Amino acid sequence: MPTNPRLLEITERIRVRSAPLRGAYLDRLRAARDEGPARAHLSCSNQAHAYAATGQDKADLASGRAPNIGIVTAYNDMLSAHQPYEDYPKLIRAAARRAGATAQVAGGVPAMCDGVTQGRAGMELSLFSRDVIALAAGVAMSHNCYDAALYLGICDKIVPGLVIAAATFGHVPAVFVPAGPMTSGLPNDEKAKVRQQFEAGEVGRDRLMEAEMASYHGPGTCTFYGTANTNQMLMEVMGLHLPGASFVNPNTPLREALTEAAVTRATGITALGNDYRPLGEILDERAFVNGIVGLMATGGSTNLVLHLPAMARAAGILLEPQDFDAVSGLVPLMARVYPNGLADVNHFHAAGGLAFLIGELLDAGLLHEDVRTVAGDGLRRYAEEPVLAEGRLAWRDGPKATLNDRILRPAADPFQPTGGLRELTGNLGRAVIKVSAVAEEHRVIEAPVRVFADQEAVKAAFQKGEFTGDTVVVVRFQGPQANGMPELHSLTPVLSVLLGRGLKVALVTDGRMSGASGKVPAAIHVSPEAACGGALARLRDGDMVRLDAVAGTLDAVGVD
């Protein structure tokens, strides 16, 4: 199927807009490429420092003839998603030796869990941590000892930060290596119900703790479709993972085989061989448009509306909010994964997963097929799925039909004809809303506002029984300049209770919601933020606000 003309038009608009910045970026990349492998220019003293502790690999490193792979890891064992990375360096070094290469841990980056910091002061560091991660990964790569890189990261700010660093060192080929989701535990809707019961005072903390521990129960990524799993989808649809790598569970033979294959592939795409694939050339405007398509088709996390432009900018690509809205108007919503449905990512994967979804989008002309990826030329490889055949890793064609149409549907018969996110504009500024989980009857609300300075004040008002009618809850001074733009996800149970009582309720904020934001309509990332003189700063209790996710508007009513 030829690429949809409208998708080509959107992509061309981005290309033209980005041309000066992208041209300068590619000039820097080519200059670095033309110098040859960077470690060849290190002095003997420089190299001796780098190789002093490498043991059996020292001779190969000193000769300079074998590729050397740098590992940048976000391992810690507080994040369940990252705990499996503890043993990856040993596995990677062994696989590299079998492939005639060497590997070193180049450096580690911080990795915080938004699930731990929700509603706490630590959340104010969360968004900023992305740039710390990018800097830390850049420090690791600055030693110039590596012919290729493996980036080990999964969660919310970690993957965007790693991509920013990888793009900055875009002359170095790179493969992103996931660890996979934890196996399914307590269903997400049951967990959400217990949270709402706790907020309403119907159950105690012991029942809440029991439900949370049954949901978050083992190693791997949290199984709902929040920012972490949206990141994994993006790395696949943008061609930075090996095909089918995203949603294979940790500590399984297939997971280990995929990690070893990533090492082998990294050794094969360096400038020392005949298939040099610098990451900066893979990350062009088509790759980022493909990422936005995947975001819309799966109903992914709102946080990526913040992260994708930052990732793209590092590769000389300029993304604007209207690009997301334009793609959303073109791409159907094909997946229902919690909070957009009852299924988790394991169910999504079993229903056909990314192999089916990517194949469908390609057949509908809604993805750029003519892209470079770490796996080869063309995105069609990503419509394949990995399997172990007689103990050896192989790929086969993915499913041609969905295995569960309540979770995953073909492009011709989607859950809704447009994507999961919408841009809102009006006299209150510009915002984004995730509509994929919001019922149609809740997508338009006009009601008086209650204005709050933080989410704790909202919860206090709820506990006092102050919400008795339809309400637009405004939480302002939550933007990046005010306090670091923390997620306000701890408001979800409170607002869900009000919605369940039959009230019309919405959230409007210059802060963020979680990638797991769900059925309550939430106009977020309102810009300009209140701290910069945005219109939210002028709202008062009782003012009327209209949020219309159908028309794409956000307005204070009766204001010119």
Protein backbone atom coordinates (compact mmCIF):
# COMPACT_ATOMS: atom_id res chain seq x y z
CA MET A 1 0.00 0.00 0.00
CA PRO A 2 1.43 3.45 -0.92
CA THR A 3 2.01 5.79 2.00
CA ASN A 4 -1.05 7.87 2.79
CA PRO A 5 -0.72 11.26 1.02
CA ARG A 6 -1.75 13.12 4.18
CA LEU A 7 0.97 11.34 6.18
CA LEU A 8 3.48 12.30 3.49
CA GLU A 9 2.27 15.90 3.71
CA ILE A 10 2.71 16.00 7.51
CA THR A 11 6.18 14.46 7.19
CA GLU A 12 7.22 16.89 4.47
CA ARG A 13 6.08 19.84 6.59
CA ILE A 14 8.30 18.59 9.42
CA ARG A 15 11.21 18.01 7.03
CA VAL A 16 11.04 21.53 5.58
CA ARG A 17 10.66 23.12 9.01
CA SER A 18 13.63 21.12 10.32
CA ALA A 19 15.93 21.45 7.30
CA PRO A 20 18.42 24.01 8.69
CA LEU A 21 18.74 22.29 12.08
CA ARG A 22 18.79 18.79 10.59
CA GLY A 23 21.38 19.83 8.01
CA ALA A 24 23.72 21.14 10.68
CA TYR A 25 23.17 17.97 12.73
CA LEU A 26 24.01 15.70 9.80
CA ASP A 27 27.11 17.77 9.03
CA ARG A 28 28.37 17.11 12.56
CA LEU A 29 27.51 13.43 12.28
CA ARG A 30 29.35 13.06 8.97
CA ALA A 31 32.39 14.90 10.26
CA ALA A 32 32.58 12.48 13.19
CA ARG A 33 32.02 9.54 10.86
CA ASP A 34 34.77 10.66 8.50
CA GLU A 35 37.28 10.69 11.35
CA GLY A 36 36.81 6.95 11.64
CA PRO A 37 36.34 4.96 14.87
CA ALA A 38 36.95 7.42 17.68
CA ARG A 39 39.08 5.13 19.84
CA ALA A 40 41.63 4.90 17.04
CA HIS A 41 42.53 8.50 17.87
CA LEU A 42 43.10 7.88 21.57
CA SER A 43 46.66 7.94 22.79
CA CYS A 44 48.22 4.81 24.24
CA SER A 45 47.88 6.34 27.70
CA ASN A 46 44.18 7.11 27.09
CA GLN A 47 43.54 3.56 25.99
CA ALA A 48 45.52 2.00 28.82
CA HIS A 49 43.27 3.79 31.32
CA ALA A 50 40.15 2.55 29.52
CA TYR A 51 41.28 -1.08 29.24
CA ALA A 52 43.13 -1.56 32.53
CA ALA A 53 40.43 -3.66 34.21
CA THR A 54 39.15 -5.60 31.20
CA GLY A 55 40.96 -8.86 31.94
CA GLN A 56 40.69 -11.37 29.12
CA ASP A 57 39.47 -8.71 26.68
CA LYS A 58 42.53 -6.49 27.09
CA ALA A 59 44.50 -7.86 24.15
CA ASP A 60 41.57 -7.52 21.75
CA LEU A 61 40.92 -3.99 22.93
CA ALA A 62 44.55 -2.98 22.57
CA SER A 63 44.73 -4.31 19.00
CA GLY A 64 41.75 -2.17 18.00
CA ARG A 65 40.58 -4.66 15.39
CA ALA A 66 37.51 -6.04 17.22
CA PRO A 67 34.40 -3.86 17.72
CA ASN A 68 34.02 -2.56 21.26
CA ILE A 69 30.47 -2.06 22.49
CA GLY A 70 29.62 0.50 25.16
CA ILE A 71 26.83 -0.44 27.55
CA VAL A 72 24.85 2.44 29.07
CA THR A 73 22.65 0.99 31.79
CA ALA A 74 19.80 2.34 33.87
CA TYR A 75 19.95 -0.64 36.23
CA ASN A 76 18.73 -0.37 39.75
CA ASP A 77 16.72 -2.89 41.72
CA MET A 78 14.12 -0.47 43.05
CA LEU A 79 12.46 -0.30 39.62
CA SER A 80 10.92 -3.65 38.84
CA ALA A 81 11.33 -2.87 35.14
CA HIS A 82 15.07 -2.35 35.51
CA GLN A 83 15.91 -5.04 38.04
CA PRO A 84 16.49 -7.66 35.30
CA TYR A 85 19.33 -5.51 33.95
CA GLU A 86 21.51 -6.50 36.91
CA ASP A 87 22.95 -9.49 35.03
CA TYR A 88 22.90 -8.03 31.51
CA PRO A 89 26.53 -6.80 31.40
CA LYS A 90 27.86 -10.32 32.05
CA LEU A 91 25.51 -11.76 29.41
CA ILE A 92 26.43 -9.02 26.92
CA ARG A 93 30.18 -9.43 27.40
CA ALA A 94 29.89 -13.18 26.79
CA ALA A 95 27.76 -12.68 23.69
CA ALA A 96 30.18 -10.05 22.39
CA ARG A 97 33.13 -12.45 22.73
CA ARG A 98 31.22 -15.09 20.77
CA ALA A 99 30.66 -12.51 18.05
CA GLY A 100 34.35 -11.56 17.96
CA ALA A 101 33.87 -8.32 19.85
CA THR A 102 34.29 -6.82 23.30
CA ALA A 103 31.89 -4.93 25.57
CA GLN A 104 32.28 -2.58 28.52
CA VAL A 105 29.82 -0.84 30.80
CA ALA A 106 30.40 2.74 29.72
CA GLY A 107 28.32 4.21 32.51
CA GLY A 108 25.12 4.17 34.50
CA VAL A 109 22.29 6.67 34.59
CA PRO A 110 19.76 7.44 37.34
CA ALA A 111 16.32 5.93 36.99
CA MET A 112 13.49 7.04 39.22
CA CYS A 113 10.09 5.41 39.53
CA ASP A 114 7.13 7.74 39.22
CA GLY A 115 5.02 5.09 40.90
CA VAL A 116 7.09 5.54 44.07
CA THR A 117 7.16 9.36 43.96
CA GLN A 118 3.48 9.92 43.02
CA GLY A 119 2.05 12.61 45.25
CA ARG A 120 5.39 13.19 47.00
CA ALA A 121 7.97 15.98 46.70
CA GLY A 122 10.29 13.69 44.78
CA MET A 123 7.92 13.88 41.83
CA GLU A 124 9.10 17.46 41.27
CA LEU A 125 12.44 15.98 40.13
CA SER A 126 10.84 13.51 37.75
CA LEU A 127 10.66 15.50 34.52
CA PHE A 128 14.07 17.07 35.12
CA SER A 129 15.56 13.61 35.52
CA ARG A 130 15.23 13.09 31.78
CA ASP A 131 17.88 15.70 31.14
CA VAL A 132 20.09 14.36 33.91
CA ILE A 133 19.86 10.95 32.26
CA ALA A 134 20.76 12.44 28.88
CA LEU A 135 23.76 14.17 30.45
CA ALA A 136 24.87 11.07 32.35
CA ALA A 137 24.62 8.93 29.21
CA GLY A 138 26.52 11.61 27.31
CA VAL A 139 29.27 11.52 29.92
CA ALA A 140 29.49 7.74 29.46
CA MET A 141 29.75 8.02 25.67
CA SER A 142 32.20 10.95 25.80
CA HIS A 143 35.11 8.59 26.45
CA ASN A 144 35.01 7.77 22.71
CA CYS A 145 35.98 4.17 23.28
CA TYR A 146 33.00 2.56 21.55
CA ASP A 147 32.20 1.41 18.04
CA ALA A 148 28.55 0.78 18.96
CA ALA A 149 26.35 1.24 22.01
CA LEU A 150 23.67 -0.75 23.79
CA TYR A 151 21.20 1.34 25.78
CA LEU A 152 19.49 -0.47 28.66
CA GLY A 153 16.43 1.45 29.83
CA ILE A 154 12.65 1.23 29.89
CA CYS A 155 10.72 3.62 32.11
CA ASP A 156 9.22 7.05 31.85
CA LYS A 157 12.08 9.54 31.56
CA ILE A 158 14.82 6.98 31.04
CA VAL A 159 14.22 6.05 27.40
CA PRO A 160 13.73 9.67 26.27
CA GLY A 161 16.93 10.69 28.08
CA LEU A 162 18.85 7.81 26.54
CA VAL A 163 17.55 8.65 23.06
CA ILE A 164 18.64 12.27 23.48
CA ALA A 165 22.15 11.10 24.37
CA ALA A 166 22.23 8.49 21.60
CA ALA A 167 21.20 11.12 19.07
CA THR A 168 23.85 13.50 20.36
CA PHE A 169 26.43 10.78 19.66
CA GLY A 170 24.52 9.94 16.50
CA HIS A 171 27.58 8.77 14.55
CA VAL A 172 27.74 5.75 16.88
CA PRO A 173 25.42 2.86 15.94
CA ALA A 174 23.13 1.86 18.80
CA VAL A 175 20.56 -0.75 19.73
CA PHE A 176 18.06 -0.26 22.54
CA VAL A 177 17.65 -3.36 24.69
CA PRO A 178 14.45 -3.90 26.72
CA ALA A 179 13.87 -6.29 29.61
CA GLY A 180 10.13 -6.92 29.15
CA PRO A 181 6.95 -6.64 31.23
CA MET A 182 6.26 -8.53 34.44
CA THR A 183 3.76 -11.36 34.17
CA SER A 184 0.13 -10.45 34.74
CA GLY A 185 -1.03 -10.02 38.33
CA LEU A 186 -4.19 -8.54 39.83
CA PRO A 187 -6.23 -7.11 36.93
CA ASN A 188 -5.79 -3.36 36.58
CA ASP A 189 -9.51 -2.59 36.82
CA GLU A 190 -9.69 -4.45 40.14
CA LYS A 191 -6.69 -2.50 41.45
CA ALA A 192 -8.30 0.77 40.35
CA LYS A 193 -11.56 -0.18 42.07
CA VAL A 194 -9.78 -0.81 45.38
CA ARG A 195 -8.00 2.56 45.07
CA GLN A 196 -11.34 4.30 44.58
CA GLN A 197 -12.84 2.40 47.54
CA PHE A 198 -9.94 3.51 49.71
CA GLU A 199 -10.36 7.17 48.68
CA ALA A 200 -14.07 6.91 49.49
CA GLY A 201 -13.29 5.40 52.91
CA GLU A 202 -14.92 2.08 52.05
CA VAL A 203 -11.84 -0.10 52.66
CA GLY A 204 -8.78 0.26 54.87
CA ARG A 205 -5.10 0.57 54.06
CA ASP A 206 -4.55 -3.15 54.60
CA ARG A 207 -6.87 -3.98 51.69
CA LEU A 208 -5.24 -1.28 49.55
CA MET A 209 -1.77 -2.63 50.26
CA GLU A 210 -2.88 -6.17 49.47
CA ALA A 211 -4.25 -5.07 46.09
CA GLU A 212 -1.18 -3.01 45.18
CA MET A 213 1.23 -5.83 46.01
CA ALA A 214 -0.84 -8.30 43.98
CA SER A 215 -0.65 -5.94 41.02
CA TYR A 216 3.05 -4.99 41.23
CA HIS A 217 4.37 -8.41 42.09
CA GLY A 218 7.60 -9.29 40.28
CA PRO A 219 10.44 -8.26 37.95
CA GLY A 220 9.56 -6.43 34.75
CA THR A 221 7.69 -3.39 33.56
CA CYS A 222 4.34 -2.54 35.14
CA THR A 223 1.76 -4.19 32.91
CA PHE A 224 -0.57 -1.25 32.26
CA TYR A 225 -0.05 0.81 29.10
CA GLY A 226 1.56 3.85 30.64
CA THR A 227 4.69 5.75 29.69
CA ALA A 228 7.12 2.87 30.19
CA ASN A 229 5.32 0.52 27.83
CA THR A 230 4.59 3.35 25.41
CA ASN A 231 8.36 3.93 25.33
CA GLN A 232 8.87 0.29 24.38
CA MET A 233 6.32 0.53 21.58
CA LEU A 234 8.10 3.63 20.29
CA MET A 235 11.52 2.00 20.27
CA GLU A 236 10.10 -0.78 18.15
CA VAL A 237 8.05 1.28 15.69
CA MET A 238 10.97 3.71 15.31
CA GLY A 239 13.33 0.83 14.52
CA LEU A 240 15.62 1.01 17.56
CA HIS A 241 14.72 -2.41 19.05
CA LEU A 242 15.08 -5.72 17.34
CA PRO A 243 11.68 -6.75 15.92
CA GLY A 244 9.31 -8.09 18.56
CA ALA A 245 11.61 -7.37 21.48
CA SER A 246 9.35 -5.06 23.48
CA PHE A 247 6.91 -7.30 25.32
CA VAL A 248 8.70 -10.60 25.96
CA ASN A 249 8.73 -11.34 29.71
CA PRO A 250 11.99 -11.17 31.70
CA ASN A 251 13.99 -14.22 32.69
CA THR A 252 12.74 -16.40 29.83
CA PRO A 253 14.81 -18.17 27.16
CA LEU A 254 13.35 -15.96 24.43
CA ARG A 255 14.21 -12.80 26.36
CA GLU A 256 17.81 -13.95 26.79
CA ALA A 257 18.07 -14.91 23.12
CA LEU A 258 16.83 -11.47 22.05
CA THR A 259 19.39 -9.76 24.28
CA GLU A 260 22.19 -11.87 22.81
CA ALA A 261 20.91 -11.10 19.30
CA ALA A 262 21.00 -7.37 20.08
CA VAL A 263 24.69 -7.73 20.94
CA THR A 264 25.41 -9.60 17.72
CA ARG A 265 23.52 -7.01 15.71
CA ALA A 266 25.38 -4.14 17.36
CA THR A 267 28.70 -5.71 16.37
CA GLY A 268 27.51 -5.98 12.77
CA ILE A 269 26.51 -2.34 12.21
CA THR A 270 29.70 -0.55 13.27
CA ALA A 271 31.92 1.48 10.97
CA LEU A 272 34.41 -1.41 11.09
CA GLY A 273 32.11 -3.53 8.91
CA ASN A 274 30.07 -3.21 5.72
CA ASP A 275 26.67 -2.31 7.20
CA TYR A 276 27.41 0.89 9.12
CA ARG A 277 24.17 2.26 10.61
CA PRO A 278 24.76 5.43 12.62
CA LEU A 279 21.83 6.09 14.91
CA GLY A 280 21.50 9.69 13.78
CA GLU A 281 20.62 8.58 10.26
CA ILE A 282 17.95 6.19 11.52
CA LEU A 283 16.37 8.98 13.58
CA ASP A 284 15.03 11.07 10.70
CA GLU A 285 11.65 12.78 10.33
CA ARG A 286 10.03 9.57 9.03
CA ALA A 287 11.07 7.65 12.15
CA PHE A 288 9.56 10.29 14.42
CA VAL A 289 6.32 10.43 12.42
CA ASN A 290 6.15 6.64 12.71
CA GLY A 291 6.56 7.07 16.47
CA ILE A 292 3.63 9.50 16.60
CA VAL A 293 1.53 7.11 14.51
CA GLY A 294 2.24 4.31 16.98
CA LEU A 295 1.37 6.62 19.87
CA MET A 296 -2.01 7.43 18.36
CA ALA A 297 -2.87 3.91 17.17
CA THR A 298 -2.25 2.42 20.61
CA GLY A 299 -3.67 5.20 22.80
CA GLY A 300 -0.28 5.74 24.40
CA SER A 301 0.96 8.01 27.14
CA THR A 302 0.43 11.77 27.12
CA ASN A 303 3.97 12.15 28.47
CA LEU A 304 5.34 11.37 25.02
CA VAL A 305 3.87 14.63 23.74
CA LEU A 306 6.55 16.21 25.94
CA HIS A 307 9.32 13.71 25.27
CA LEU A 308 9.12 13.12 21.52
CA PRO A 309 9.84 16.78 20.61
CA ALA A 310 12.86 16.76 22.95
CA MET A 311 14.11 13.49 21.48
CA ALA A 312 13.58 14.78 17.96
CA ARG A 313 15.32 18.09 18.67
CA ALA A 314 18.46 16.18 19.66
CA ALA A 315 18.48 14.70 16.14
CA GLY A 316 17.82 18.03 14.43
CA ILE A 317 14.08 17.46 13.94
CA LEU A 318 11.48 20.05 15.00
CA LEU A 319 8.15 18.60 16.13
CA GLU A 320 5.22 20.87 17.00
CA PRO A 321 1.96 20.12 18.87
CA GLN A 322 -0.03 20.45 15.65
CA ASP A 323 1.92 17.52 14.20
CA PHE A 324 0.51 15.25 16.90
CA ASP A 325 -3.02 16.52 16.31
CA ALA A 326 -2.70 16.09 12.54
CA VAL A 327 -1.51 12.49 12.89
CA SER A 328 -4.26 11.80 15.45
CA GLY A 329 -6.87 12.90 12.93
CA LEU A 330 -5.49 10.43 10.40
CA VAL A 331 -4.69 7.32 12.44
CA PRO A 332 -7.34 5.00 13.95
CA LEU A 333 -7.25 3.76 17.53
CA MET A 334 -6.55 0.03 17.20
CA ALA A 335 -5.74 -1.07 20.76
CA ARG A 336 -7.54 -1.14 24.08
CA VAL A 337 -4.99 -1.67 26.83
CA TYR A 338 -5.49 -0.44 30.39
CA PRO A 339 -6.27 2.38 31.17
CA ASN A 340 -7.96 2.45 27.75
CA GLY A 341 -9.45 -1.00 28.33
CA LEU A 342 -9.30 -3.97 30.68
CA ALA A 343 -6.37 -5.82 29.08
CA ASP A 344 -2.72 -5.44 30.05
CA VAL A 345 0.32 -5.47 27.75
CA ASN A 346 0.72 -9.24 28.09
CA HIS A 347 -2.81 -9.67 26.76
CA PHE A 348 -2.05 -7.16 23.99
CA HIS A 349 1.07 -9.11 23.04
CA ALA A 350 -0.85 -12.40 23.04
CA ALA A 351 -3.57 -10.89 20.84
CA GLY A 352 -1.04 -10.20 18.09
CA GLY A 353 0.84 -7.29 19.62
CA LEU A 354 3.09 -4.94 17.74
CA ALA A 355 3.75 -7.37 14.88
CA PHE A 356 0.04 -7.35 13.98
CA LEU A 357 -0.39 -3.63 14.63
CA ILE A 358 2.65 -2.58 12.58
CA GLY A 359 1.68 -4.91 9.73
CA GLU A 360 -1.83 -3.47 9.67
CA LEU A 361 -0.60 0.13 9.70
CA LEU A 362 1.87 -0.62 6.90
CA ASP A 363 -0.84 -2.27 4.82
CA ALA A 364 -3.06 0.77 5.37
CA GLY A 365 -0.29 3.14 4.27
CA LEU A 366 -0.17 4.74 7.71
CA LEU A 367 3.52 4.14 8.45
CA HIS A 368 6.65 5.01 6.51
CA GLU A 369 7.97 1.66 5.36
CA ASP A 370 11.05 3.07 3.61
CA VAL A 371 13.10 3.73 6.73
CA ARG A 372 16.40 2.47 8.07
CA THR A 373 16.27 0.47 11.29
CA VAL A 374 18.79 -1.34 13.45
CA ALA A 375 17.45 -4.60 11.97
CA GLY A 376 17.82 -3.61 8.32
CA ASP A 377 16.21 -1.43 5.67
CA GLY A 378 12.44 -1.16 5.77
CA LEU A 379 9.94 -1.35 8.61
CA ARG A 380 8.31 -4.54 7.30
CA ARG A 381 10.70 -6.61 9.44
CA TYR A 382 8.77 -5.29 12.45
CA ALA A 383 5.65 -7.10 11.30
CA GLU A 384 7.52 -10.27 12.23
CA GLU A 385 7.71 -11.88 15.66
CA PRO A 386 10.62 -13.71 17.32
CA VAL A 387 10.42 -17.38 18.25
CA LEU A 388 12.78 -20.05 19.50
CA ALA A 389 12.99 -22.90 17.00
CA GLU A 390 14.99 -25.85 18.29
CA GLY A 391 16.69 -23.53 20.74
CA ARG A 392 17.69 -20.97 18.09
CA LEU A 393 16.23 -17.50 17.64
CA ALA A 394 14.29 -16.94 14.45
CA TRP A 395 11.61 -14.58 13.15
CA ARG A 396 8.35 -15.51 11.48
CA ASP A 397 5.48 -13.51 10.02
CA GLY A 398 3.27 -12.03 12.70
CA PRO A 399 -0.45 -12.77 12.91
CA LYS A 400 -2.54 -11.63 9.97
CA ALA A 401 -5.68 -11.41 12.08
CA THR A 402 -6.24 -10.26 15.63
CA LEU A 403 -6.53 -13.03 18.19
CA ASN A 404 -8.81 -10.92 20.42
CA ASP A 405 -10.80 -8.07 18.87
CA ARG A 406 -11.70 -6.68 22.31
CA ILE A 407 -8.01 -5.76 22.71
CA LEU A 408 -6.62 -5.30 19.21
CA ARG A 409 -8.43 -4.52 15.98
CA PRO A 410 -7.47 -4.10 12.33
CA ALA A 411 -7.04 -0.62 10.90
CA ALA A 412 -10.22 -1.05 8.84
CA ASP A 413 -12.33 -1.83 11.94
CA PRO A 414 -10.82 0.22 14.79
CA PHE A 415 -12.15 1.15 18.20
CA GLN A 416 -12.45 4.72 16.97
CA PRO A 417 -11.53 6.33 13.63
CA THR A 418 -9.03 8.78 15.10
CA GLY A 419 -6.10 8.51 17.49
CA GLY A 420 -5.90 8.48 21.25
CA LEU A 421 -4.73 12.07 21.83
CA ARG A 422 -6.12 15.47 20.87
CA GLU A 423 -4.78 19.01 21.00
CA LEU A 424 -7.01 21.59 22.69
CA THR A 425 -6.79 25.32 21.96
CA GLY A 426 -8.73 28.32 23.18
CA ASN A 427 -8.56 31.40 25.34
CA LEU A 428 -7.07 29.36 28.21
CA GLY A 429 -4.10 28.41 26.02
CA ARG A 430 -3.00 25.18 24.39
CA ALA A 431 -3.34 21.74 26.03
CA VAL A 432 -3.43 18.04 25.26
CA ILE A 433 -6.06 15.49 26.24
CA LYS A 434 -6.05 11.70 26.12
CA VAL A 435 -9.44 10.72 24.76
CA SER A 436 -8.89 7.00 24.15
CA ALA A 437 -10.06 6.06 27.66
CA VAL A 438 -12.74 8.75 28.00
CA ALA A 439 -16.32 7.73 27.23
CA GLU A 440 -17.97 9.80 24.51
CA GLU A 441 -20.54 11.22 26.94
CA HIS A 442 -17.71 12.66 29.07
CA ARG A 443 -15.74 14.35 26.29
CA VAL A 444 -17.60 17.66 26.54
CA ILE A 445 -18.13 19.48 29.83
CA GLU A 446 -19.12 23.04 30.65
CA ALA A 447 -19.15 23.70 34.38
CA PRO A 448 -17.97 26.11 37.09
CA VAL A 449 -14.37 25.76 38.21
CA ARG A 450 -12.81 25.10 41.56
CA VAL A 451 -9.26 26.44 41.60
CA PHE A 452 -6.50 24.75 43.60
CA ALA A 453 -2.76 25.31 44.01
CA ASP A 454 -1.88 21.63 44.48
CA GLN A 455 -3.41 18.17 44.45
CA GLU A 456 -3.42 17.83 48.23
CA ALA A 457 -5.91 20.69 48.40
CA VAL A 458 -8.16 18.85 45.93
CA LYS A 459 -8.09 15.73 48.09
CA ALA A 460 -8.86 17.75 51.21
CA ALA A 461 -11.89 19.33 49.54
CA PHE A 462 -13.04 15.88 48.46
CA GLN A 463 -12.73 14.51 51.99
CA LYS A 464 -14.84 17.43 53.25
CA GLY A 465 -17.59 16.60 50.75
CA GLU A 466 -17.27 19.91 48.90
CA PHE A 467 -17.82 18.49 45.39
CA THR A 468 -21.58 18.25 45.03
CA GLY A 469 -22.16 19.40 41.46
CA ASP A 470 -20.55 19.32 38.04
CA THR A 471 -17.06 20.78 38.38
CA VAL A 472 -13.98 21.59 36.35
CA VAL A 473 -11.11 21.13 38.78
CA VAL A 474 -8.25 23.53 37.99
CA VAL A 475 -4.86 22.74 39.51
CA ARG A 476 -2.44 25.45 38.51
CA PHE A 477 1.19 26.47 39.13
CA GLN A 478 2.18 22.89 38.30
CA GLY A 479 4.19 23.63 35.15
CA PRO A 480 7.93 23.16 34.60
CA GLN A 481 8.87 26.69 35.69
CA ALA A 482 6.66 26.59 38.77
CA ASN A 483 7.68 23.32 40.39
CA GLY A 484 9.09 20.92 37.78
CA MET A 485 5.74 19.75 36.35
CA PRO A 486 4.98 16.78 38.62
CA GLU A 487 2.45 14.17 37.57
CA LEU A 488 -0.91 14.58 39.30
CA HIS A 489 -1.92 10.95 38.99
CA SER A 490 -2.89 10.66 42.64
CA LEU A 491 -5.96 12.73 41.72
CA THR A 492 -7.26 9.95 39.47
CA PRO A 493 -9.04 7.93 42.19
CA VAL A 494 -10.70 11.04 43.65
CA LEU A 495 -11.96 12.32 40.30
CA SER A 496 -13.02 8.82 39.27
CA VAL A 497 -15.18 8.56 42.40
CA LEU A 498 -16.91 11.83 41.50
CA LEU A 499 -17.48 10.61 37.95
CA GLY A 500 -18.90 7.38 39.36
CA ARG A 501 -21.39 9.40 41.42
CA GLY A 502 -22.90 10.75 38.23
CA LEU A 503 -21.22 14.16 38.27
CA LYS A 504 -19.65 15.72 35.22
CA VAL A 505 -16.05 16.41 36.19
CA ALA A 506 -12.82 17.31 34.41
CA LEU A 507 -9.30 18.33 35.28
CA VAL A 508 -7.52 21.34 33.75
CA THR A 509 -3.89 21.85 34.69
CA ASP A 510 -0.55 23.16 33.52
CA GLY A 511 0.95 20.05 35.10
CA ARG A 512 1.03 16.45 33.90
CA MET A 513 -1.07 13.40 34.48
CA SER A 514 0.40 9.93 34.50
CA GLY A 515 0.85 7.91 31.36
CA ALA A 516 -1.88 5.83 32.97
CA SER A 517 -4.39 8.70 32.96
CA GLY A 518 -7.78 7.28 32.18
CA LYS A 519 -11.51 7.85 32.10
CA VAL A 520 -11.66 11.36 33.60
CA PRO A 521 -11.27 14.06 30.90
CA ALA A 522 -8.03 15.93 31.67
CA ALA A 523 -6.73 18.94 29.77
CA ILE A 524 -3.05 18.88 30.70
CA HIS A 525 0.21 20.63 29.81
CA VAL A 526 -1.76 23.89 29.53
CA SER A 527 0.57 26.47 28.03
CA PRO A 528 1.45 29.22 28.78
CA GLU A 529 1.63 27.93 32.34
CA ALA A 530 0.23 29.98 35.20
CA ALA A 531 3.69 30.86 36.50
CA CYS A 532 4.43 32.60 33.18
CA GLY A 533 1.25 34.67 33.18
CA GLY A 534 -0.94 32.09 31.49
CA ALA A 535 -4.69 32.46 31.58
CA LEU A 536 -5.07 29.78 34.27
CA ALA A 537 -3.60 32.29 36.72
CA ARG A 538 -6.63 34.55 36.20
CA LEU A 539 -9.37 31.99 36.79
CA ARG A 540 -11.46 32.28 39.96
CA ASP A 541 -13.81 29.86 41.70
CA GLY A 542 -17.16 29.85 39.91
CA ASP A 543 -15.88 30.94 36.50
CA MET A 544 -17.34 28.81 33.72
CA VAL A 545 -15.01 26.70 31.60
CA ARG A 546 -15.87 24.58 28.59
CA LEU A 547 -13.68 21.62 27.68
CA ASP A 548 -14.70 20.17 24.31
CA ALA A 549 -12.52 17.21 23.28
CA VAL A 550 -14.67 16.70 20.17
CA ALA A 551 -14.15 20.20 18.79
CA GLY A 552 -10.67 20.46 20.31
CA THR A 553 -11.31 23.58 22.39
CA LEU A 554 -10.59 24.79 25.93
CA ASP A 555 -12.18 28.10 26.88
CA ALA A 556 -13.28 30.26 29.76
CA VAL A 557 -16.91 30.96 28.81
CA GLY A 558 -18.01 34.56 28.32
CA VAL A 559 -14.47 35.85 27.82
CA ASP A 560 -13.43 37.46 24.54
